[in-house]
Amino acid sequence: MGMFQQREGGFMIYPRSRWLKRMTKFPILLWRLGLGPILGQIFMLLTTTGRKSGLPRRTVIEYHVVNGRVYAPCAFGPKADWYRNIVADPHVTVQTARGMERMIATRVTDDQELLAVYEALHRSDPFILDSYLRSLDIRPDPDDIVAKKDRIYWLRFDPTDEPTPPPQEVDLAWLWPLALLVVIGMCWASRGKRPK
């Protein structure tokens, strides 16, 4: 019997083209502009260490807090570069609305923990979770989830004092005053062009 192949459909399409991969990096730009406290309510900025380059690699992913612990789904499992980076080095830096935290990422494999995360995610967004499970040929049923748990890639992030990659700095916040000056200049210039 061959290895299970995840189906792609709807929003569950792995970004293969260079353009789509660049689009998935757009939220990092928003973080660099200083919008992390807003985005960080739902998304985390995850910094891993590149498995080949050894350089910091960043992605923005959805996260959930379940029983006081941070969890994140990896929709494409072993296809995702950030997951492969975690397999090579589980030391990561997480940035959310709570701030920056040094963490160790671990794939959830325990049946009880897996079901607890499933219940929490199902309460918050059953449509997306059920679509994800269907792409894995899993019924949204605890027995089927446990029976096919090897297909599910959910990660838990636990705090650590060990070194992790550097966090993303807010290095583009200076663009906000510049944008404001441009808008004010445009308004002032358009005022002068009004007929008298």
N, C-alpha and C. Protein backbone atom coordinates (compact mmCIF):
# COMPACT_ATOMS: atom_id res chain seq x y z
N MET A 1 0.84 -1.19 0.00
CA MET A 1 0.00 0.00 0.00
C MET A 1 0.89 1.25 0.00
N GLY A 2 0.58 2.20 -0.93
CA GLY A 2 1.39 3.41 -1.06
C GLY A 2 1.08 4.43 0.01
N MET A 3 1.90 5.46 0.05
CA MET A 3 1.72 6.55 1.00
C MET A 3 0.48 7.37 0.63
N PHE A 4 -0.27 7.83 1.62
CA PHE A 4 -1.47 8.63 1.38
C PHE A 4 -1.10 9.95 0.71
N GLN A 5 -1.86 10.34 -0.31
CA GLN A 5 -1.64 11.60 -1.02
C GLN A 5 -2.79 12.55 -0.71
N GLN A 6 -2.49 13.67 -0.08
CA GLN A 6 -3.52 14.65 0.26
C GLN A 6 -4.14 15.23 -1.00
N ARG A 7 -5.48 15.31 -1.00
CA ARG A 7 -6.19 15.92 -2.13
C ARG A 7 -6.14 17.44 -1.99
N GLU A 8 -6.10 18.10 -3.13
CA GLU A 8 -6.16 19.55 -3.14
C GLU A 8 -7.50 19.97 -3.74
N GLY A 9 -8.10 20.97 -3.16
CA GLY A 9 -9.37 21.47 -3.69
C GLY A 9 -9.79 22.70 -2.93
N GLY A 10 -10.56 23.56 -3.59
CA GLY A 10 -11.02 24.77 -2.95
C GLY A 10 -9.85 25.63 -2.53
N PHE A 11 -9.85 26.07 -1.28
CA PHE A 11 -8.77 26.92 -0.78
C PHE A 11 -7.54 26.10 -0.40
N MET A 12 -7.63 24.77 -0.44
CA MET A 12 -6.53 23.90 -0.04
C MET A 12 -5.61 23.60 -1.23
N ILE A 13 -5.03 24.64 -1.81
CA ILE A 13 -4.13 24.48 -2.95
C ILE A 13 -2.75 24.95 -2.53
N TYR A 14 -1.79 24.04 -2.61
CA TYR A 14 -0.42 24.39 -2.21
C TYR A 14 0.17 25.38 -3.21
N PRO A 15 0.74 26.49 -2.74
CA PRO A 15 1.29 27.49 -3.67
C PRO A 15 2.59 26.98 -4.31
N ARG A 16 2.50 26.65 -5.59
CA ARG A 16 3.68 26.13 -6.29
C ARG A 16 4.39 27.21 -7.11
N SER A 17 3.62 28.13 -7.68
CA SER A 17 4.24 29.15 -8.53
C SER A 17 4.98 30.17 -7.67
N ARG A 18 5.97 30.79 -8.28
CA ARG A 18 6.76 31.81 -7.58
C ARG A 18 5.87 32.96 -7.14
N TRP A 19 4.90 33.36 -8.00
CA TRP A 19 3.99 34.46 -7.68
C TRP A 19 3.15 34.14 -6.45
N LEU A 20 2.57 32.94 -6.41
CA LEU A 20 1.74 32.56 -5.25
C LEU A 20 2.57 32.48 -3.98
N LYS A 21 3.78 31.98 -4.09
CA LYS A 21 4.65 31.90 -2.92
C LYS A 21 4.97 33.30 -2.39
N ARG A 22 5.16 34.25 -3.31
CA ARG A 22 5.41 35.62 -2.88
C ARG A 22 4.18 36.21 -2.20
N MET A 23 3.00 35.88 -2.71
CA MET A 23 1.75 36.40 -2.12
C MET A 23 1.58 35.89 -0.69
N THR A 24 2.02 34.67 -0.42
CA THR A 24 1.89 34.14 0.94
C THR A 24 2.80 34.87 1.91
N LYS A 25 3.79 35.60 1.38
CA LYS A 25 4.71 36.36 2.23
C LYS A 25 4.19 37.77 2.53
N PHE A 26 3.10 38.20 1.86
CA PHE A 26 2.56 39.55 2.05
C PHE A 26 2.28 39.89 3.52
N PRO A 27 1.68 38.97 4.32
CA PRO A 27 1.44 39.32 5.72
C PRO A 27 2.70 39.67 6.51
N ILE A 28 3.85 39.16 6.08
CA ILE A 28 5.10 39.52 6.77
C ILE A 28 5.38 41.01 6.59
N LEU A 29 5.07 41.54 5.40
CA LEU A 29 5.22 42.98 5.16
C LEU A 29 4.35 43.78 6.13
N LEU A 30 3.11 43.32 6.36
CA LEU A 30 2.23 44.01 7.29
C LEU A 30 2.82 44.00 8.70
N TRP A 31 3.46 42.89 9.06
CA TRP A 31 4.12 42.80 10.38
C TRP A 31 5.26 43.81 10.46
N ARG A 32 6.02 43.91 9.38
CA ARG A 32 7.15 44.83 9.34
C ARG A 32 6.68 46.28 9.43
N LEU A 33 5.44 46.53 8.99
CA LEU A 33 4.87 47.88 9.06
C LEU A 33 4.33 48.20 10.45
N GLY A 34 4.37 47.22 11.36
CA GLY A 34 3.93 47.45 12.73
C GLY A 34 2.51 47.00 13.03
N LEU A 35 1.91 46.22 12.14
CA LEU A 35 0.54 45.77 12.33
C LEU A 35 0.45 44.42 13.05
N GLY A 36 1.57 43.96 13.61
CA GLY A 36 1.60 42.69 14.33
C GLY A 36 0.58 42.59 15.45
N PRO A 37 0.40 43.64 16.28
CA PRO A 37 -0.59 43.53 17.36
C PRO A 37 -2.01 43.28 16.87
N ILE A 38 -2.33 43.73 15.64
CA ILE A 38 -3.66 43.48 15.07
C ILE A 38 -3.71 42.08 14.45
N LEU A 39 -2.76 41.79 13.55
CA LEU A 39 -2.72 40.47 12.91
C LEU A 39 -2.53 39.36 13.93
N GLY A 40 -1.77 39.68 14.97
CA GLY A 40 -1.40 38.68 15.97
C GLY A 40 -2.53 38.18 16.84
N GLN A 41 -3.73 38.71 16.66
CA GLN A 41 -4.90 38.18 17.36
C GLN A 41 -5.27 36.80 16.81
N ILE A 42 -5.05 36.61 15.50
CA ILE A 42 -5.45 35.37 14.82
C ILE A 42 -4.25 34.62 14.25
N PHE A 43 -3.24 35.39 13.82
CA PHE A 43 -2.09 34.79 13.15
C PHE A 43 -0.83 34.96 13.97
N MET A 44 0.09 34.04 13.77
CA MET A 44 1.42 34.16 14.37
C MET A 44 2.44 34.33 13.26
N LEU A 45 3.45 35.12 13.56
CA LEU A 45 4.61 35.20 12.68
C LEU A 45 5.60 34.20 13.23
N LEU A 46 5.85 33.17 12.44
CA LEU A 46 6.72 32.07 12.86
C LEU A 46 8.07 32.20 12.18
N THR A 47 9.13 32.20 12.98
CA THR A 47 10.49 32.23 12.43
C THR A 47 11.16 30.90 12.72
N THR A 48 11.55 30.23 11.65
CA THR A 48 12.28 28.96 11.77
C THR A 48 13.70 29.19 11.25
N THR A 49 14.52 28.17 11.38
CA THR A 49 15.86 28.21 10.80
C THR A 49 15.84 27.37 9.53
N GLY A 50 16.23 27.96 8.43
CA GLY A 50 16.23 27.24 7.15
C GLY A 50 17.07 25.98 7.23
N ARG A 51 16.49 24.87 6.83
CA ARG A 51 17.18 23.58 6.95
C ARG A 51 18.41 23.49 6.04
N LYS A 52 18.42 24.25 4.95
CA LYS A 52 19.56 24.22 4.04
C LYS A 52 20.46 25.44 4.25
N SER A 53 19.83 26.60 4.37
CA SER A 53 20.59 27.85 4.44
C SER A 53 21.11 28.17 5.84
N GLY A 54 20.38 27.71 6.88
CA GLY A 54 20.73 28.09 8.24
C GLY A 54 20.30 29.51 8.59
N LEU A 55 19.57 30.17 7.67
CA LEU A 55 19.12 31.55 7.87
C LEU A 55 17.70 31.57 8.43
N PRO A 56 17.32 32.68 9.07
CA PRO A 56 15.94 32.79 9.56
C PRO A 56 14.95 32.76 8.38
N ARG A 57 13.91 31.98 8.52
CA ARG A 57 12.85 31.87 7.51
C ARG A 57 11.53 32.17 8.20
N ARG A 58 10.71 33.01 7.58
CA ARG A 58 9.49 33.47 8.25
C ARG A 58 8.25 33.14 7.43
N THR A 59 7.19 32.87 8.16
CA THR A 59 5.88 32.66 7.55
C THR A 59 4.82 33.09 8.56
N VAL A 60 3.66 33.45 8.07
CA VAL A 60 2.54 33.82 8.93
C VAL A 60 1.51 32.71 8.83
N ILE A 61 1.13 32.16 10.00
CA ILE A 61 0.18 31.04 10.03
C ILE A 61 -0.88 31.29 11.09
N GLU A 62 -1.99 30.62 10.93
CA GLU A 62 -3.08 30.68 11.91
C GLU A 62 -2.65 29.95 13.18
N TYR A 63 -3.11 30.43 14.33
CA TYR A 63 -2.81 29.71 15.57
C TYR A 63 -4.03 29.74 16.49
N HIS A 64 -4.01 28.85 17.46
CA HIS A 64 -5.10 28.74 18.44
C HIS A 64 -4.47 28.48 19.81
N VAL A 65 -5.12 28.98 20.84
CA VAL A 65 -4.70 28.67 22.20
C VAL A 65 -5.72 27.70 22.77
N VAL A 66 -5.25 26.52 23.15
CA VAL A 66 -6.10 25.46 23.70
C VAL A 66 -5.53 25.07 25.06
N ASN A 67 -6.35 25.22 26.09
CA ASN A 67 -5.91 24.91 27.46
C ASN A 67 -4.60 25.61 27.81
N GLY A 68 -4.47 26.87 27.37
CA GLY A 68 -3.30 27.67 27.69
C GLY A 68 -2.07 27.40 26.85
N ARG A 69 -2.17 26.48 25.89
CA ARG A 69 -1.02 26.15 25.03
C ARG A 69 -1.29 26.61 23.60
N VAL A 70 -0.23 26.95 22.89
CA VAL A 70 -0.33 27.45 21.52
C VAL A 70 -0.23 26.28 20.54
N TYR A 71 -1.19 26.23 19.60
CA TYR A 71 -1.22 25.20 18.57
C TYR A 71 -1.40 25.85 17.21
N ALA A 72 -0.87 25.22 16.18
CA ALA A 72 -1.05 25.70 14.81
C ALA A 72 -1.20 24.51 13.87
N PRO A 73 -2.18 24.59 12.97
CA PRO A 73 -2.30 23.54 11.96
C PRO A 73 -1.29 23.78 10.83
N CYS A 74 -0.80 22.72 10.27
CA CYS A 74 0.05 22.81 9.08
C CYS A 74 -0.73 22.11 7.97
N ALA A 75 -1.49 22.91 7.23
CA ALA A 75 -2.45 22.36 6.26
C ALA A 75 -1.80 21.41 5.24
N PHE A 76 -0.56 21.67 4.86
CA PHE A 76 0.07 20.84 3.84
C PHE A 76 1.15 19.92 4.39
N GLY A 77 1.18 19.78 5.71
CA GLY A 77 2.07 18.81 6.34
C GLY A 77 3.48 18.84 5.81
N PRO A 78 4.02 17.70 5.41
CA PRO A 78 5.42 17.63 5.02
C PRO A 78 5.77 18.39 3.74
N LYS A 79 4.76 18.88 3.00
CA LYS A 79 5.04 19.71 1.82
C LYS A 79 5.50 21.10 2.22
N ALA A 80 5.04 21.58 3.36
CA ALA A 80 5.30 22.96 3.77
C ALA A 80 6.77 23.15 4.17
N ASP A 81 7.39 24.16 3.59
CA ASP A 81 8.80 24.43 3.91
C ASP A 81 8.99 24.69 5.39
N TRP A 82 8.07 25.45 6.01
CA TRP A 82 8.26 25.78 7.42
C TRP A 82 8.18 24.53 8.30
N TYR A 83 7.35 23.57 7.90
CA TYR A 83 7.29 22.33 8.68
C TYR A 83 8.60 21.55 8.52
N ARG A 84 9.13 21.49 7.31
CA ARG A 84 10.39 20.78 7.09
C ARG A 84 11.53 21.44 7.85
N ASN A 85 11.48 22.77 7.97
CA ASN A 85 12.48 23.47 8.78
C ASN A 85 12.37 23.07 10.24
N ILE A 86 11.13 22.93 10.73
CA ILE A 86 10.91 22.53 12.13
C ILE A 86 11.41 21.11 12.38
N VAL A 87 11.21 20.22 11.41
CA VAL A 87 11.71 18.84 11.56
C VAL A 87 13.23 18.87 11.73
N ALA A 88 13.89 19.76 10.97
CA ALA A 88 15.36 19.86 11.06
C ALA A 88 15.81 20.54 12.35
N ASP A 89 15.04 21.53 12.82
CA ASP A 89 15.38 22.24 14.06
C ASP A 89 14.09 22.79 14.66
N PRO A 90 13.61 22.19 15.75
CA PRO A 90 12.32 22.61 16.32
C PRO A 90 12.35 23.91 17.11
N HIS A 91 13.50 24.54 17.25
CA HIS A 91 13.60 25.83 17.96
C HIS A 91 13.07 26.94 17.06
N VAL A 92 12.01 27.60 17.50
CA VAL A 92 11.36 28.62 16.68
C VAL A 92 11.08 29.87 17.52
N THR A 93 10.83 30.96 16.81
CA THR A 93 10.41 32.19 17.46
C THR A 93 8.99 32.49 16.98
N VAL A 94 8.11 32.76 17.93
CA VAL A 94 6.70 33.02 17.64
C VAL A 94 6.38 34.45 18.05
N GLN A 95 5.73 35.18 17.14
CA GLN A 95 5.27 36.53 17.45
C GLN A 95 3.77 36.59 17.23
N THR A 96 3.06 37.00 18.29
CA THR A 96 1.60 37.15 18.24
C THR A 96 1.25 38.47 18.90
N ALA A 97 -0.03 38.69 19.13
CA ALA A 97 -0.47 39.89 19.85
C ALA A 97 0.11 39.90 21.27
N ARG A 98 0.49 38.71 21.78
CA ARG A 98 1.07 38.61 23.13
C ARG A 98 2.53 39.01 23.15
N GLY A 99 3.12 39.21 21.97
CA GLY A 99 4.54 39.57 21.89
C GLY A 99 5.37 38.44 21.31
N MET A 100 6.67 38.50 21.56
CA MET A 100 7.61 37.52 21.03
C MET A 100 7.88 36.45 22.08
N GLU A 101 7.89 35.18 21.63
CA GLU A 101 8.17 34.07 22.54
C GLU A 101 9.12 33.08 21.85
N ARG A 102 10.06 32.57 22.63
CA ARG A 102 10.96 31.51 22.15
C ARG A 102 10.26 30.18 22.44
N MET A 103 10.18 29.33 21.43
CA MET A 103 9.40 28.10 21.56
C MET A 103 10.12 26.90 20.94
N ILE A 104 9.63 25.74 21.37
CA ILE A 104 10.02 24.47 20.72
C ILE A 104 8.74 23.92 20.11
N ALA A 105 8.78 23.61 18.83
CA ALA A 105 7.61 23.09 18.13
C ALA A 105 7.64 21.57 18.13
N THR A 106 6.47 20.98 18.42
CA THR A 106 6.34 19.52 18.47
C THR A 106 5.05 19.13 17.76
N ARG A 107 5.14 18.13 16.91
CA ARG A 107 3.93 17.63 16.24
C ARG A 107 3.07 16.88 17.25
N VAL A 108 1.77 17.14 17.22
CA VAL A 108 0.84 16.49 18.14
C VAL A 108 0.56 15.08 17.63
N THR A 109 0.85 14.09 18.48
CA THR A 109 0.60 12.69 18.12
C THR A 109 -0.23 11.96 19.17
N ASP A 110 -0.32 12.50 20.37
CA ASP A 110 -1.10 11.88 21.44
C ASP A 110 -2.59 11.97 21.10
N ASP A 111 -3.31 10.85 21.23
CA ASP A 111 -4.73 10.80 20.85
C ASP A 111 -5.57 11.81 21.61
N GLN A 112 -5.41 11.89 22.93
CA GLN A 112 -6.24 12.79 23.74
C GLN A 112 -5.95 14.25 23.39
N GLU A 113 -4.69 14.57 23.23
CA GLU A 113 -4.33 15.94 22.88
C GLU A 113 -4.85 16.30 21.49
N LEU A 114 -4.73 15.37 20.57
CA LEU A 114 -5.23 15.58 19.20
C LEU A 114 -6.73 15.86 19.20
N LEU A 115 -7.48 15.09 19.97
CA LEU A 115 -8.93 15.28 20.03
C LEU A 115 -9.29 16.58 20.74
N ALA A 116 -8.53 16.98 21.75
CA ALA A 116 -8.78 18.25 22.43
C ALA A 116 -8.57 19.42 21.48
N VAL A 117 -7.52 19.34 20.66
CA VAL A 117 -7.26 20.40 19.68
C VAL A 117 -8.36 20.39 18.62
N TYR A 118 -8.76 19.20 18.19
CA TYR A 118 -9.85 19.09 17.20
C TYR A 118 -11.12 19.77 17.72
N GLU A 119 -11.49 19.48 18.95
CA GLU A 119 -12.71 20.06 19.52
C GLU A 119 -12.63 21.58 19.56
N ALA A 120 -11.49 22.11 19.97
CA ALA A 120 -11.31 23.58 20.06
C ALA A 120 -11.37 24.21 18.67
N LEU A 121 -10.68 23.62 17.71
CA LEU A 121 -10.68 24.16 16.35
C LEU A 121 -12.06 24.04 15.72
N HIS A 122 -12.76 22.96 16.02
CA HIS A 122 -14.09 22.75 15.44
C HIS A 122 -15.07 23.80 15.97
N ARG A 123 -14.92 24.18 17.22
CA ARG A 123 -15.79 25.23 17.78
C ARG A 123 -15.53 26.58 17.11
N SER A 124 -14.27 26.88 16.81
CA SER A 124 -13.95 28.20 16.27
C SER A 124 -14.23 28.31 14.77
N ASP A 125 -13.98 27.26 13.99
CA ASP A 125 -14.22 27.34 12.55
C ASP A 125 -14.45 25.95 11.96
N PRO A 126 -15.68 25.41 12.13
CA PRO A 126 -15.94 24.05 11.66
C PRO A 126 -15.82 23.89 10.15
N PHE A 127 -16.17 24.90 9.36
CA PHE A 127 -16.13 24.77 7.91
C PHE A 127 -14.70 24.52 7.42
N ILE A 128 -13.77 25.36 7.87
CA ILE A 128 -12.37 25.21 7.42
C ILE A 128 -11.78 23.90 7.93
N LEU A 129 -12.06 23.57 9.19
CA LEU A 129 -11.52 22.33 9.74
C LEU A 129 -12.06 21.11 9.00
N ASP A 130 -13.35 21.09 8.74
CA ASP A 130 -13.93 19.94 8.03
C ASP A 130 -13.40 19.84 6.60
N SER A 131 -13.16 21.00 5.94
CA SER A 131 -12.58 20.98 4.60
C SER A 131 -11.17 20.41 4.63
N TYR A 132 -10.42 20.81 5.65
CA TYR A 132 -9.06 20.29 5.81
C TYR A 132 -9.10 18.77 6.02
N LEU A 133 -9.97 18.31 6.91
CA LEU A 133 -10.05 16.87 7.16
C LEU A 133 -10.50 16.11 5.92
N ARG A 134 -11.45 16.66 5.16
CA ARG A 134 -11.90 16.00 3.93
C ARG A 134 -10.75 15.89 2.93
N SER A 135 -9.88 16.90 2.88
CA SER A 135 -8.74 16.83 1.96
C SER A 135 -7.80 15.69 2.34
N LEU A 136 -7.89 15.25 3.60
CA LEU A 136 -7.07 14.14 4.10
C LEU A 136 -7.83 12.82 4.11
N ASP A 137 -9.05 12.85 3.55
CA ASP A 137 -9.93 11.68 3.54
C ASP A 137 -10.22 11.21 4.97
N ILE A 138 -10.50 12.19 5.85
CA ILE A 138 -10.84 11.90 7.25
C ILE A 138 -12.22 12.47 7.52
N ARG A 139 -13.09 11.66 8.10
CA ARG A 139 -14.41 12.15 8.51
C ARG A 139 -14.24 12.98 9.78
N PRO A 140 -15.04 14.04 9.97
CA PRO A 140 -14.96 14.82 11.21
C PRO A 140 -15.59 14.05 12.36
N ASP A 141 -14.93 12.96 12.72
CA ASP A 141 -15.42 12.02 13.72
C ASP A 141 -14.21 11.59 14.55
N PRO A 142 -14.31 11.63 15.88
CA PRO A 142 -13.13 11.31 16.72
C PRO A 142 -12.48 9.97 16.38
N ASP A 143 -13.28 8.93 16.11
CA ASP A 143 -12.68 7.62 15.81
C ASP A 143 -11.86 7.66 14.52
N ASP A 144 -12.38 8.32 13.48
CA ASP A 144 -11.67 8.39 12.22
C ASP A 144 -10.44 9.28 12.34
N ILE A 145 -10.54 10.34 13.14
CA ILE A 145 -9.38 11.23 13.36
C ILE A 145 -8.24 10.47 14.01
N VAL A 146 -8.54 9.69 15.03
CA VAL A 146 -7.50 8.91 15.72
C VAL A 146 -6.95 7.83 14.80
N ALA A 147 -7.84 7.17 14.04
CA ALA A 147 -7.40 6.09 13.15
C ALA A 147 -6.46 6.60 12.06
N LYS A 148 -6.65 7.86 11.62
CA LYS A 148 -5.85 8.40 10.52
C LYS A 148 -4.98 9.58 10.97
N LYS A 149 -4.60 9.57 12.23
CA LYS A 149 -3.86 10.71 12.78
C LYS A 149 -2.50 10.93 12.13
N ASP A 150 -1.96 9.91 11.49
CA ASP A 150 -0.66 10.08 10.82
C ASP A 150 -0.74 11.06 9.66
N ARG A 151 -1.96 11.38 9.20
CA ARG A 151 -2.15 12.34 8.11
C ARG A 151 -2.27 13.78 8.61
N ILE A 152 -2.48 13.95 9.91
CA ILE A 152 -2.75 15.27 10.49
C ILE A 152 -1.46 15.89 11.02
N TYR A 153 -1.22 17.13 10.62
CA TYR A 153 -0.02 17.85 11.07
C TYR A 153 -0.45 19.08 11.84
N TRP A 154 -0.62 18.91 13.15
CA TRP A 154 -0.88 20.02 14.06
C TRP A 154 0.31 20.09 14.99
N LEU A 155 0.75 21.32 15.26
CA LEU A 155 1.94 21.49 16.09
C LEU A 155 1.60 22.24 17.37
N ARG A 156 2.31 21.84 18.41
CA ARG A 156 2.21 22.51 19.71
C ARG A 156 3.51 23.29 19.90
N PHE A 157 3.39 24.48 20.48
CA PHE A 157 4.55 25.33 20.71
C PHE A 157 4.71 25.53 22.21
N ASP A 158 5.82 25.04 22.74
CA ASP A 158 6.10 25.13 24.17
C ASP A 158 7.24 26.11 24.42
N PRO A 159 7.11 26.97 25.45
CA PRO A 159 8.17 27.94 25.76
C PRO A 159 9.50 27.25 26.08
N THR A 160 10.59 27.95 25.73
CA THR A 160 11.93 27.44 26.03
C THR A 160 12.85 28.61 26.36
N ASP A 161 13.91 28.31 27.09
CA ASP A 161 14.95 29.30 27.36
C ASP A 161 16.12 29.12 26.39
N GLU A 162 16.04 28.11 25.54
CA GLU A 162 17.11 27.84 24.58
C GLU A 162 17.10 28.87 23.46
N PRO A 163 18.23 29.07 22.79
CA PRO A 163 18.28 30.04 21.69
C PRO A 163 17.34 29.66 20.54
N THR A 164 16.71 30.66 19.95
CA THR A 164 15.84 30.48 18.79
C THR A 164 16.21 31.54 17.75
N PRO A 165 15.69 31.43 16.53
CA PRO A 165 16.03 32.43 15.51
C PRO A 165 15.58 33.84 15.91
N PRO A 166 16.20 34.87 15.35
CA PRO A 166 15.82 36.24 15.72
C PRO A 166 14.41 36.57 15.25
N PRO A 167 13.67 37.36 16.04
CA PRO A 167 12.32 37.75 15.65
C PRO A 167 12.35 38.76 14.50
N GLN A 168 11.20 38.92 13.86
CA GLN A 168 11.07 39.94 12.82
C GLN A 168 10.95 41.31 13.47
N GLU A 169 11.77 42.23 13.05
CA GLU A 169 11.72 43.60 13.58
C GLU A 169 10.64 44.40 12.84
N VAL A 170 10.12 45.41 13.51
CA VAL A 170 9.22 46.37 12.87
C VAL A 170 10.13 47.42 12.24
N ASP A 171 10.55 47.16 11.02
CA ASP A 171 11.56 48.00 10.38
C ASP A 171 11.01 48.92 9.28
N LEU A 172 9.69 48.86 9.05
CA LEU A 172 9.10 49.71 8.00
C LEU A 172 8.05 50.67 8.54
N ALA A 173 8.00 50.86 9.85
CA ALA A 173 7.00 51.76 10.44
C ALA A 173 7.21 53.20 9.98
N TRP A 174 8.42 53.53 9.56
CA TRP A 174 8.70 54.88 9.08
C TRP A 174 7.90 55.22 7.82
N LEU A 175 7.34 54.21 7.14
CA LEU A 175 6.56 54.48 5.94
C LEU A 175 5.21 55.14 6.24
N TRP A 176 4.68 54.93 7.47
CA TRP A 176 3.38 55.52 7.81
C TRP A 176 3.42 57.04 7.77
N PRO A 177 4.37 57.72 8.44
CA PRO A 177 4.40 59.18 8.34
C PRO A 177 4.65 59.67 6.91
N LEU A 178 5.47 58.92 6.16
CA LEU A 178 5.73 59.29 4.77
C LEU A 178 4.44 59.20 3.95
N ALA A 179 3.67 58.14 4.15
CA ALA A 179 2.40 57.99 3.44
C ALA A 179 1.44 59.11 3.81
N LEU A 180 1.43 59.48 5.08
CA LEU A 180 0.57 60.58 5.54
C LEU A 180 0.96 61.89 4.87
N LEU A 181 2.26 62.15 4.77
CA LEU A 181 2.73 63.36 4.10
C LEU A 181 2.33 63.37 2.62
N VAL A 182 2.41 62.22 1.97
CA VAL A 182 2.02 62.13 0.56
C VAL A 182 0.53 62.44 0.41
N VAL A 183 -0.30 61.87 1.28
CA VAL A 183 -1.75 62.12 1.23
C VAL A 183 -2.04 63.60 1.47
N ILE A 184 -1.40 64.17 2.49
CA ILE A 184 -1.60 65.60 2.77
C ILE A 184 -1.16 66.44 1.57
N GLY A 185 -0.03 66.11 0.98
CA GLY A 185 0.46 66.83 -0.20
C GLY A 185 -0.50 66.72 -1.37
N MET A 186 -1.06 65.55 -1.59
CA MET A 186 -2.02 65.36 -2.68
C MET A 186 -3.28 66.16 -2.44
N CYS A 187 -3.76 66.18 -1.19
CA CYS A 187 -4.96 66.97 -0.85
C CYS A 187 -4.68 68.46 -1.05
N TRP A 188 -3.52 68.91 -0.62
CA TRP A 188 -3.16 70.32 -0.75
C TRP A 188 -3.04 70.70 -2.22
N ALA A 189 -2.42 69.82 -3.03
CA ALA A 189 -2.25 70.09 -4.46
C ALA A 189 -3.60 70.11 -5.17
N SER A 190 -4.52 69.23 -4.78
CA SER A 190 -5.83 69.20 -5.45
C SER A 190 -6.67 70.42 -5.07
N ARG A 191 -6.43 70.98 -3.89
CA ARG A 191 -7.13 72.20 -3.47
C ARG A 191 -6.78 73.36 -4.37
N GLY A 192 -5.53 73.44 -4.75
CA GLY A 192 -5.07 74.53 -5.61
C GLY A 192 -5.59 74.44 -7.03
N LYS A 193 -6.05 73.26 -7.45
CA LYS A 193 -6.54 73.07 -8.82
C LYS A 193 -8.04 73.29 -8.94
N ARG A 194 -8.72 73.53 -7.83
CA ARG A 194 -10.17 73.75 -7.90
C ARG A 194 -10.50 75.05 -8.62
N PRO A 195 -11.53 75.05 -9.49
CA PRO A 195 -11.91 76.30 -10.17
C PRO A 195 -12.45 77.31 -9.18
N LYS A 196 -12.16 78.57 -9.43
CA LYS A 196 -12.60 79.63 -8.53
C LYS A 196 -13.83 80.31 -9.07
